[in-house]
């Protein structure tokens, strides 16, 4: 059995240009949950609410954009439609939308205002269109997919460039008692047609779910995963693994996600990075008595997500005035300041780096500083454009990779932020195992 051959195939799986752009340019973005639930104090609406309750009379999407930018996030994902079916734009295909809201006498378009605010403040814009619609009478029938695709087309064609489209798999029963069979392939065809530069998120998509909504990422986070986990990603990179069909049932824990056992089971491998999502508060919609999470928790989540080879989608819900709560605005600014102050000056900017490539899958990279410096974080990155390869690494104080490791870690991928506490003038990053040759590593010290 030629494991070496299979590992070489796994090492060659690469991101497409849209995935690469998301990982490099926009790994941190903000979800904005805003709908009828904001006014009814619910998390999931029933679809029977009166659109007249949606009355954000002080709506200021520019305030949202300023707060998002202050956190250092690069984009906004707006809930254009949640499960209640209420549309935050003037949809031609339903009356359950802004046409029947008192905001701007039924002429308002929150999607338009949000998209315009993003562009004014240099943010990218995307949207969430819930596949589950508890208001649509045709939900649970084949006709619903046409209804949904019509609404999706409105959003893809009327609001300029879209960087990220967000789906989930929520699926309930329609009026006929039947669950809807979603035509995700058809939905994705529309995205590729009208917004070819956009990425899209789905539980099993080109950008996939990390598996929880608490901001937790896997210890070993692989972007190269079996096609079975990402069936909406049709860009299969390899053929069947040598143990195809022999290891069923071995991929049950988050920490196993993308492990060799899973890859060997797979019919083929795809590049599908994980997105980690959580809310700044306990709920996804605004509830007056909830407080934002602590700065320490949010910063730690940033380290473990953006710094753990995932993207980070942090939800911030507007209140009933249509504004971000001032408590959340303050916390976003604090988070941005901490990120900037922590990662503002690379201490390795004047360092010399020696690479020992004598063992291609176990190289070592030694960083030599002009004098001793106190180091709190080491930021590592692979040349992800060529694929993800590192399985295990160690960080050693000094210039000898054979001595006891100070810190060990698993995968690196697009970015790995490693908290440390070192005062040294030299350190070595030694790759202990990799799926293929590792010719370079990005190394920054903070």
Protein backbone atom coordinates (compact mmCIF):
# COMPACT_ATOMS: atom_id res chain seq x y z
CA UNK A 1 0.00 0.00 0.00
CA UNK A 2 1.67 3.23 -1.12
CA UNK A 3 0.97 5.76 1.60
CA UNK A 4 3.72 7.97 0.22
CA UNK A 5 1.94 8.26 -3.11
CA UNK A 6 -1.32 9.21 -1.44
CA UNK A 7 0.36 11.78 0.81
CA UNK A 8 1.91 13.36 -2.27
CA UNK A 9 -1.56 13.67 -3.81
CA UNK A 10 -2.93 15.23 -0.60
CA UNK A 11 -0.04 17.71 -0.55
CA UNK A 12 -0.92 18.87 -4.05
CA UNK A 13 -4.54 19.91 -3.34
CA UNK A 14 -4.67 23.69 -3.70
CA UNK A 15 -7.16 26.48 -3.03
CA UNK A 16 -8.93 28.19 -5.89
CA UNK A 17 -8.41 31.93 -6.38
CA UNK A 18 -11.54 32.87 -4.43
CA UNK A 19 -10.61 30.77 -1.40
CA UNK A 20 -7.09 32.16 -1.49
CA UNK A 21 -8.41 35.72 -1.62
CA UNK A 22 -10.70 35.12 1.36
CA UNK A 23 -7.95 33.57 3.48
CA UNK A 24 -5.37 36.22 2.69
CA UNK A 25 -7.47 39.38 2.47
CA UNK A 26 -10.58 38.83 4.60
CA UNK A 27 -10.10 36.14 7.27
CA UNK A 28 -12.10 38.19 9.82
CA UNK A 29 -15.59 39.51 9.00
CA UNK A 30 -18.77 40.38 10.86
CA UNK A 31 -22.19 38.73 10.71
CA UNK A 32 -25.17 41.07 11.21
CA UNK A 33 -28.34 39.31 12.41
CA UNK A 34 -31.21 41.77 11.96
CA UNK A 35 -34.85 40.88 11.27
CA UNK A 36 -38.31 40.67 12.79
CA UNK A 37 -36.72 38.69 15.65
CA UNK A 38 -35.02 41.90 16.75
CA UNK A 39 -38.47 43.34 17.56
CA UNK A 40 -40.17 40.17 18.84
CA UNK A 41 -37.28 39.16 21.13
CA UNK A 42 -37.00 35.74 19.48
CA UNK A 43 -34.11 33.81 17.98
CA UNK A 44 -36.23 31.92 15.41
CA UNK A 45 -39.33 33.62 14.05
CA UNK A 46 -42.51 31.82 13.07
CA UNK A 47 -43.08 33.44 9.67
CA UNK A 48 -46.45 34.72 10.83
CA UNK A 49 -45.22 38.04 12.22
CA UNK A 50 -46.63 41.30 10.90
CA UNK A 51 -43.93 43.10 8.85
CA UNK A 52 -45.17 46.33 10.44
CA UNK A 53 -43.25 45.45 13.63
CA UNK A 54 -39.98 46.01 11.75
CA UNK A 55 -39.48 49.70 12.50
CA UNK A 56 -35.78 50.63 12.92
CA UNK A 57 -36.43 54.36 12.74
CA UNK A 58 -32.84 55.38 13.57
CA UNK A 59 -31.24 52.88 11.23
CA UNK A 60 -27.63 53.85 10.49
CA UNK A 61 -25.69 51.24 8.54
CA UNK A 62 -22.72 53.59 8.44
CA UNK A 63 -22.53 53.27 12.22
CA UNK A 64 -22.34 49.51 11.73
CA UNK A 65 -19.58 49.89 9.16
CA UNK A 66 -17.50 52.20 11.35
CA UNK A 67 -17.75 49.79 14.28
CA UNK A 68 -16.85 46.80 12.12
CA UNK A 69 -13.85 48.62 10.70
CA UNK A 70 -12.71 49.61 14.20
CA UNK A 71 -12.44 45.91 15.08
CA UNK A 72 -10.13 45.27 12.15
CA UNK A 73 -12.71 43.12 10.35
CA UNK A 74 -12.71 43.28 6.55
CA UNK A 75 -16.33 42.61 5.63
CA UNK A 76 -19.99 42.36 6.62
CA UNK A 77 -22.45 39.47 6.12
CA UNK A 78 -26.03 40.74 6.46
CA UNK A 79 -29.00 38.45 7.17
CA UNK A 80 -30.98 39.52 4.12
CA UNK A 81 -33.55 36.86 5.07
CA UNK A 82 -33.71 34.70 8.18
CA UNK A 83 -35.94 31.69 8.85
CA UNK A 84 -39.03 33.89 9.33
CA UNK A 85 -38.89 34.70 5.60
CA UNK A 86 -38.89 38.48 6.07
CA UNK A 87 -36.74 40.13 3.40
CA UNK A 88 -34.68 43.22 4.19
CA UNK A 89 -35.06 44.45 0.62
CA UNK A 90 -37.86 45.21 -1.84
CA UNK A 91 -38.32 41.68 -3.15
CA UNK A 92 -40.62 41.24 -6.12
CA UNK A 93 -41.50 37.73 -5.01
CA UNK A 94 -43.09 38.25 -1.59
CA UNK A 95 -45.06 40.80 0.40
CA UNK A 96 -43.25 39.65 3.54
CA UNK A 97 -40.56 42.28 3.09
CA UNK A 98 -39.66 45.96 3.45
CA UNK A 99 -42.66 46.95 1.31
CA UNK A 100 -44.83 46.46 4.40
CA UNK A 101 -42.50 47.93 7.00
CA UNK A 102 -43.12 51.47 8.30
CA UNK A 103 -39.43 52.25 7.77
CA UNK A 104 -39.27 54.95 5.07
CA UNK A 105 -43.00 54.42 4.49
CA UNK A 106 -42.45 51.02 2.94
CA UNK A 107 -39.71 52.25 0.58
CA UNK A 108 -36.73 51.18 2.66
CA UNK A 109 -34.02 48.76 1.58
CA UNK A 110 -31.69 47.69 4.40
CA UNK A 111 -29.60 45.57 2.06
CA UNK A 112 -28.94 48.62 -0.11
CA UNK A 113 -28.01 50.81 2.85
CA UNK A 114 -25.70 48.15 4.28
CA UNK A 115 -23.99 47.53 0.95
CA UNK A 116 -23.48 51.27 0.38
CA UNK A 117 -22.09 51.75 3.89
CA UNK A 118 -19.61 48.93 3.41
CA UNK A 119 -18.26 50.45 0.23
CA UNK A 120 -18.02 53.91 1.80
CA UNK A 121 -15.88 52.56 4.64
CA UNK A 122 -13.77 50.14 2.65
CA UNK A 123 -15.48 46.91 3.74
CA UNK A 124 -16.53 43.98 1.60
CA UNK A 125 -20.22 43.08 1.52
CA UNK A 126 -21.98 39.73 1.59
CA UNK A 127 -25.32 38.30 2.66
CA UNK A 128 -27.08 35.37 4.28
CA UNK A 129 -30.25 34.16 2.55
CA UNK A 130 -31.84 31.50 4.74
CA UNK A 131 -32.92 28.47 2.71
CA UNK A 132 -35.58 27.77 5.35
CA UNK A 133 -38.54 30.12 4.87
CA UNK A 134 -41.36 29.74 7.38
CA UNK A 135 -43.53 32.29 5.58
CA UNK A 136 -43.44 31.07 1.96
CA UNK A 137 -46.56 29.08 1.09
CA UNK A 138 -44.61 27.04 -1.48
CA UNK A 139 -42.00 25.85 1.03
CA UNK A 140 -41.89 22.06 1.01
CA UNK A 141 -42.63 21.83 -2.74
CA UNK A 142 -40.41 21.78 -5.85
CA UNK A 143 -41.68 25.27 -6.68
CA UNK A 144 -39.89 26.69 -3.66
CA UNK A 145 -36.47 26.25 -5.26
CA UNK A 146 -37.56 28.54 -8.10
CA UNK A 147 -38.89 31.06 -5.56
CA UNK A 148 -35.61 30.93 -3.64
CA UNK A 149 -33.48 31.21 -6.77
CA UNK A 150 -35.46 34.29 -7.84
CA UNK A 151 -34.72 35.98 -4.52
CA UNK A 152 -31.09 34.88 -4.66
CA UNK A 153 -30.79 36.40 -8.13
CA UNK A 154 -32.15 39.72 -6.84
CA UNK A 155 -29.43 39.86 -4.21
CA UNK A 156 -26.68 38.73 -6.57
CA UNK A 157 -27.51 41.26 -9.29
CA UNK A 158 -28.80 44.41 -7.56
CA UNK A 159 -26.19 45.23 -4.90
CA UNK A 160 -22.80 45.38 -6.56
CA UNK A 161 -19.87 43.11 -5.82
CA UNK A 162 -20.53 40.35 -3.27
CA UNK A 163 -17.55 38.75 -1.55
CA UNK A 164 -19.26 35.96 0.44
CA UNK A 165 -22.68 34.28 0.28
CA UNK A 166 -23.78 32.42 3.40
CA UNK A 167 -26.14 29.43 3.48
CA UNK A 168 -26.98 27.05 6.28
CA UNK A 169 -28.77 23.72 6.27
CA UNK A 170 -31.72 24.64 8.51
CA UNK A 171 -34.73 22.80 7.16
CA UNK A 172 -38.19 22.52 8.69
CA UNK A 173 -41.57 21.36 7.49
CA UNK A 174 -43.59 23.42 5.08
CA UNK A 175 -47.37 24.01 5.19
CA UNK A 176 -47.82 20.64 3.49
CA UNK A 177 -45.94 18.89 6.31
CA UNK A 178 -42.99 18.09 4.04
CA UNK A 179 -39.41 19.20 4.43
CA UNK A 180 -37.90 21.10 1.56
CA UNK A 181 -35.29 19.47 -0.66
CA UNK A 182 -32.91 22.29 -1.38
CA UNK A 183 -31.33 22.59 -4.81
CA UNK A 184 -27.96 23.75 -3.50
CA UNK A 185 -26.27 22.91 -6.78
CA UNK A 186 -28.66 25.26 -8.58
CA UNK A 187 -28.10 27.97 -5.98
CA UNK A 188 -24.35 27.73 -6.42
CA UNK A 189 -24.65 27.87 -10.19
CA UNK A 190 -26.31 31.28 -9.80
CA UNK A 191 -23.48 32.52 -7.58
CA UNK A 192 -20.91 31.38 -10.09
CA UNK A 193 -22.89 33.03 -12.88
CA UNK A 194 -23.50 36.43 -11.31
CA UNK A 195 -20.72 36.74 -8.69
CA UNK A 196 -17.85 34.55 -9.94
CA UNK A 197 -15.39 36.06 -7.46
CA UNK A 198 -17.53 35.28 -4.39
CA UNK A 199 -16.91 32.49 -1.93
CA UNK A 200 -19.87 30.72 -0.36
CA UNK A 201 -20.35 29.10 3.02
CA UNK A 202 -22.40 26.00 3.70
CA UNK A 203 -22.15 23.10 6.15
CA UNK A 204 -20.59 21.18 3.27
CA UNK A 205 -19.49 23.92 0.94
CA UNK A 206 -16.43 25.52 -0.60
CA UNK A 207 -16.02 27.21 2.78
CA UNK A 208 -17.34 24.81 5.39
CA UNK A 209 -18.62 24.91 8.95
CA UNK A 210 -16.19 24.22 11.80
CA UNK A 211 -18.92 22.24 13.59
CA UNK A 212 -19.97 24.59 16.41
CA UNK A 213 -21.19 28.13 17.06
CA UNK A 214 -19.01 28.88 20.08
CA UNK A 215 -15.85 30.06 18.36
CA UNK A 216 -13.97 26.81 18.92
CA UNK A 217 -11.67 25.50 16.20
CA UNK A 218 -10.06 22.08 15.92
CA UNK A 219 -6.61 21.41 17.33
CA UNK A 220 -5.47 20.11 13.94
CA UNK A 221 -7.36 22.18 11.39
CA UNK A 222 -7.02 20.89 7.86
CA UNK A 223 -8.28 22.71 4.79
CA UNK A 224 -7.70 19.59 2.67
CA UNK A 225 -10.59 17.29 3.52
CA UNK A 226 -12.62 14.43 2.03
CA UNK A 227 -15.13 15.29 -0.66
CA UNK A 228 -17.83 13.57 1.43
CA UNK A 229 -17.60 16.41 3.96
CA UNK A 230 -17.82 19.09 1.26
CA UNK A 231 -20.16 17.65 -1.32
CA UNK A 232 -21.01 21.11 -2.64
CA UNK A 233 -17.37 21.62 -3.61
CA UNK A 234 -17.21 19.86 -6.98
CA UNK A 235 -13.53 20.59 -7.54
CA UNK A 236 -12.29 17.13 -6.55
CA UNK A 237 -8.51 17.15 -6.64
CA UNK A 238 -7.56 13.48 -6.33
CA UNK A 239 -8.89 10.02 -7.02
CA UNK A 240 -10.01 7.40 -4.49
CA UNK A 241 -7.72 6.83 -1.55
CA UNK A 242 -6.05 3.43 -1.15
CA UNK A 243 -8.33 2.50 1.75
CA UNK A 244 -11.53 3.71 0.08
CA UNK A 245 -14.53 2.24 1.90
CA UNK A 246 -12.40 0.57 4.60
CA UNK A 247 -12.39 3.16 7.37
CA UNK A 248 -16.05 4.15 7.61
CA UNK A 249 -16.99 5.71 10.93
CA UNK A 250 -13.56 7.00 11.94
CA UNK A 251 -14.32 10.69 11.45
CA UNK A 252 -16.52 11.58 14.38
CA UNK A 253 -14.52 14.14 16.36
CA UNK A 254 -13.54 17.67 15.44
CA UNK A 255 -9.90 16.93 16.17
CA UNK A 256 -9.92 14.20 13.52
CA UNK A 257 -11.18 16.56 10.86
CA UNK A 258 -8.91 16.15 7.87
CA UNK A 259 -6.71 13.50 9.47
CA UNK A 260 -4.96 10.86 7.41
CA UNK A 261 -7.57 8.27 8.32
CA UNK A 262 -10.31 10.45 6.91
CA UNK A 263 -8.35 11.19 3.77
CA UNK A 264 -7.75 7.52 3.13
CA UNK A 265 -11.47 6.84 3.42
CA UNK A 266 -12.36 9.52 0.95
CA UNK A 267 -13.52 9.22 -2.63
CA UNK A 268 -11.43 12.29 -3.34
CA UNK A 269 -9.98 15.36 -1.65
CA UNK A 270 -10.94 19.00 -1.92
CA UNK A 271 -9.59 22.23 -0.55
CA UNK A 272 -12.31 23.58 1.75
CA UNK A 273 -11.20 25.86 4.60
CA UNK A 274 -13.29 26.04 7.75
CA UNK A 275 -15.20 29.09 8.96
CA UNK A 276 -15.66 29.58 12.70
CA UNK A 277 -18.73 31.56 13.72
CA UNK A 278 -19.94 32.91 17.05
CA UNK A 279 -21.93 35.87 18.36
CA UNK A 280 -20.53 38.74 20.38
CA UNK A 281 -23.42 38.06 22.79
CA UNK A 282 -25.11 34.84 23.93
CA UNK A 283 -27.87 35.29 21.33
CA UNK A 284 -27.63 35.87 17.61
CA UNK A 285 -30.30 38.60 17.63
CA UNK A 286 -30.29 41.61 19.96
CA UNK A 287 -31.76 41.12 23.42
CA UNK A 288 -31.62 44.09 25.75
CA UNK A 289 -30.42 42.28 28.87
CA UNK A 290 -27.52 40.48 27.20
CA UNK A 291 -23.96 41.76 27.53
CA UNK A 292 -21.12 41.29 25.05
CA UNK A 293 -18.50 38.68 25.78
CA UNK A 294 -15.32 39.83 27.47
CA UNK A 295 -12.44 41.28 25.49
CA UNK A 296 -10.26 38.38 26.61
CA UNK A 297 -12.69 35.83 25.20
CA UNK A 298 -13.01 37.62 21.88
CA UNK A 299 -9.27 38.10 21.50
CA UNK A 300 -8.62 34.47 22.42
CA UNK A 301 -11.19 33.41 19.81
CA UNK A 302 -9.43 35.56 17.21
CA UNK A 303 -6.11 33.86 18.06
CA UNK A 304 -7.64 30.39 17.76
CA UNK A 305 -9.59 31.06 14.56
CA UNK A 306 -7.75 33.51 12.30
CA UNK A 307 -4.64 32.12 13.98
CA UNK A 308 -5.89 28.54 13.70
CA UNK A 309 -6.29 28.17 9.93
CA UNK A 310 -9.97 29.18 9.84
CA UNK A 311 -11.86 32.34 9.00
CA UNK A 312 -13.69 34.13 11.82
CA UNK A 313 -17.30 35.30 11.38
CA UNK A 314 -18.27 37.32 14.48
CA UNK A 315 -21.95 38.22 14.78
CA UNK A 316 -22.98 41.69 16.00
CA UNK A 317 -26.78 42.26 16.16
CA UNK A 318 -28.34 45.73 15.73
CA UNK A 319 -30.95 46.86 18.26
CA UNK A 320 -34.52 48.00 17.62
CA UNK A 321 -33.38 51.49 16.64
CA UNK A 322 -31.31 49.94 13.87
CA UNK A 323 -28.01 50.69 15.62
CA UNK A 324 -25.26 48.54 17.06
CA UNK A 325 -25.59 48.57 20.83
CA UNK A 326 -23.03 50.98 22.34
CA UNK A 327 -21.76 48.18 24.57
CA UNK A 328 -20.93 46.15 21.47
CA UNK A 329 -19.44 49.16 19.68
CA UNK A 330 -17.09 49.70 22.62
CA UNK A 331 -16.09 46.03 22.70
CA UNK A 332 -15.40 45.96 18.94
CA UNK A 333 -13.13 48.99 19.27
CA UNK A 334 -11.31 47.35 22.17
CA UNK A 335 -10.83 44.17 20.16
CA UNK A 336 -9.44 46.05 17.19
CA UNK A 337 -7.05 48.03 19.38
CA UNK A 338 -5.77 44.85 21.03
CA UNK A 339 -5.23 43.14 17.68
CA UNK A 340 -3.39 46.17 16.30
CA UNK A 341 -1.26 46.71 19.39
CA UNK A 342 -0.35 43.02 19.62
CA UNK A 343 0.48 42.49 15.96
CA UNK A 344 1.54 45.98 14.94
CA UNK A 345 5.33 45.49 14.93
CA UNK A 346 7.03 42.35 13.66
CA UNK A 347 10.10 41.80 15.87
CA UNK A 348 11.62 39.62 13.16
CA UNK A 349 11.71 42.44 10.64
CA UNK A 350 15.50 42.73 10.90
CA UNK A 351 16.19 39.04 11.61
CA UNK A 352 18.27 36.60 9.60
CA UNK A 353 16.53 33.33 8.70
CA UNK A 354 18.46 30.16 7.87
CA UNK A 355 16.63 27.26 6.24
CA UNK A 356 17.82 23.67 6.59
CA UNK A 357 16.06 21.82 3.76
CA UNK A 358 18.20 18.68 3.87
CA UNK A 359 15.13 16.69 4.92
CA UNK A 360 12.36 18.08 2.66
CA UNK A 361 9.43 16.94 4.82
CA UNK A 362 11.25 17.82 8.07
CA UNK A 363 12.93 21.16 7.37
CA UNK A 364 14.04 23.60 10.05
CA UNK A 365 13.99 27.40 9.92
CA UNK A 366 16.21 29.31 12.35
CA UNK A 367 15.51 32.97 13.13
CA UNK A 368 18.47 34.99 14.46
CA UNK A 369 17.76 38.37 16.05
CA UNK A 370 20.31 41.16 16.57
CA UNK A 371 19.70 41.03 20.35
CA UNK A 372 17.47 39.30 22.86
CA UNK A 373 13.81 40.21 22.55
CA UNK A 374 10.71 39.32 24.55
CA UNK A 375 8.34 37.33 22.34
CA UNK A 376 4.67 36.73 23.14
CA UNK A 377 3.37 35.39 19.81
CA UNK A 378 4.90 33.53 16.89
CA UNK A 379 2.91 33.71 13.66
CA UNK A 380 3.56 30.93 11.16
CA UNK A 381 2.21 30.54 7.64
CA UNK A 382 2.62 28.04 4.86
CA UNK A 383 2.73 28.97 1.20
CA UNK A 384 -0.93 27.97 1.08
CA UNK A 385 -1.17 28.73 -2.63
CA UNK A 386 0.78 25.48 -3.11
CA UNK A 387 -1.35 23.52 -0.65
CA UNK A 388 -1.37 22.62 3.05
CA UNK A 389 1.34 20.19 4.14
CA UNK A 390 2.61 20.61 7.70
CA UNK A 391 1.21 18.00 10.11
CA UNK A 392 3.40 18.65 13.16
CA UNK A 393 5.90 21.33 14.15
CA UNK A 394 8.00 22.32 17.14
CA UNK A 395 9.41 25.67 18.24
CA UNK A 396 12.78 25.48 19.96
CA UNK A 397 14.62 28.29 21.72
CA UNK A 398 18.03 28.66 20.14
CA UNK A 399 19.50 27.41 16.87
CA UNK A 400 19.45 23.65 17.47
CA UNK A 401 16.35 21.79 16.39
CA UNK A 402 17.42 18.68 18.23
CA UNK A 403 17.02 20.13 21.72
CA UNK A 404 13.86 19.96 23.79
CA UNK A 405 10.95 21.73 22.13
CA UNK A 406 9.53 24.71 23.97
CA UNK A 407 6.24 24.53 22.05
CA UNK A 408 4.72 21.91 19.78
CA UNK A 409 1.79 22.26 17.42
CA UNK A 410 -0.09 20.39 14.75
CA UNK A 411 -1.19 21.98 11.48
CA UNK A 412 -0.17 25.43 10.23
CA UNK A 413 -2.02 26.11 6.97
CA UNK A 414 -2.79 29.71 6.06
CA UNK A 415 -1.88 31.04 9.51
CA UNK A 416 -1.02 29.68 12.93
CA UNK A 417 -0.66 32.08 15.85
CA UNK A 418 1.32 30.43 18.65
CA UNK A 419 1.27 32.07 22.11
CA UNK A 420 4.68 31.79 23.79
CA UNK A 421 6.71 33.48 26.52
CA UNK A 422 10.32 33.70 25.36
CA UNK A 423 13.19 36.10 25.73
CA UNK A 424 15.76 35.07 23.18
CA UNK A 425 17.94 36.14 20.28
CA UNK A 426 17.34 32.95 18.27
CA UNK A 427 14.68 30.31 17.79
CA UNK A 428 14.08 27.40 15.44
CA UNK A 429 10.82 26.28 13.90
CA UNK A 430 11.28 22.59 13.10
CA UNK A 431 8.74 20.73 10.98
CA UNK A 432 8.44 17.25 12.49
CA UNK A 433 6.06 15.80 9.87
CA UNK A 434 4.58 16.97 6.58
CA UNK A 435 2.60 15.50 3.68
CA UNK A 436 5.10 16.83 1.16
CA UNK A 437 8.19 19.02 0.90
CA UNK A 438 8.04 22.29 2.82
CA UNK A 439 10.38 24.75 1.14
CA UNK A 440 9.49 27.86 3.13
CA UNK A 441 7.54 29.13 6.14
CA UNK A 442 6.44 32.64 6.95
CA UNK A 443 7.68 33.47 10.48
CA UNK A 444 6.73 36.64 12.33
CA UNK A 445 7.46 37.47 15.97
CA UNK A 446 5.43 39.77 18.23
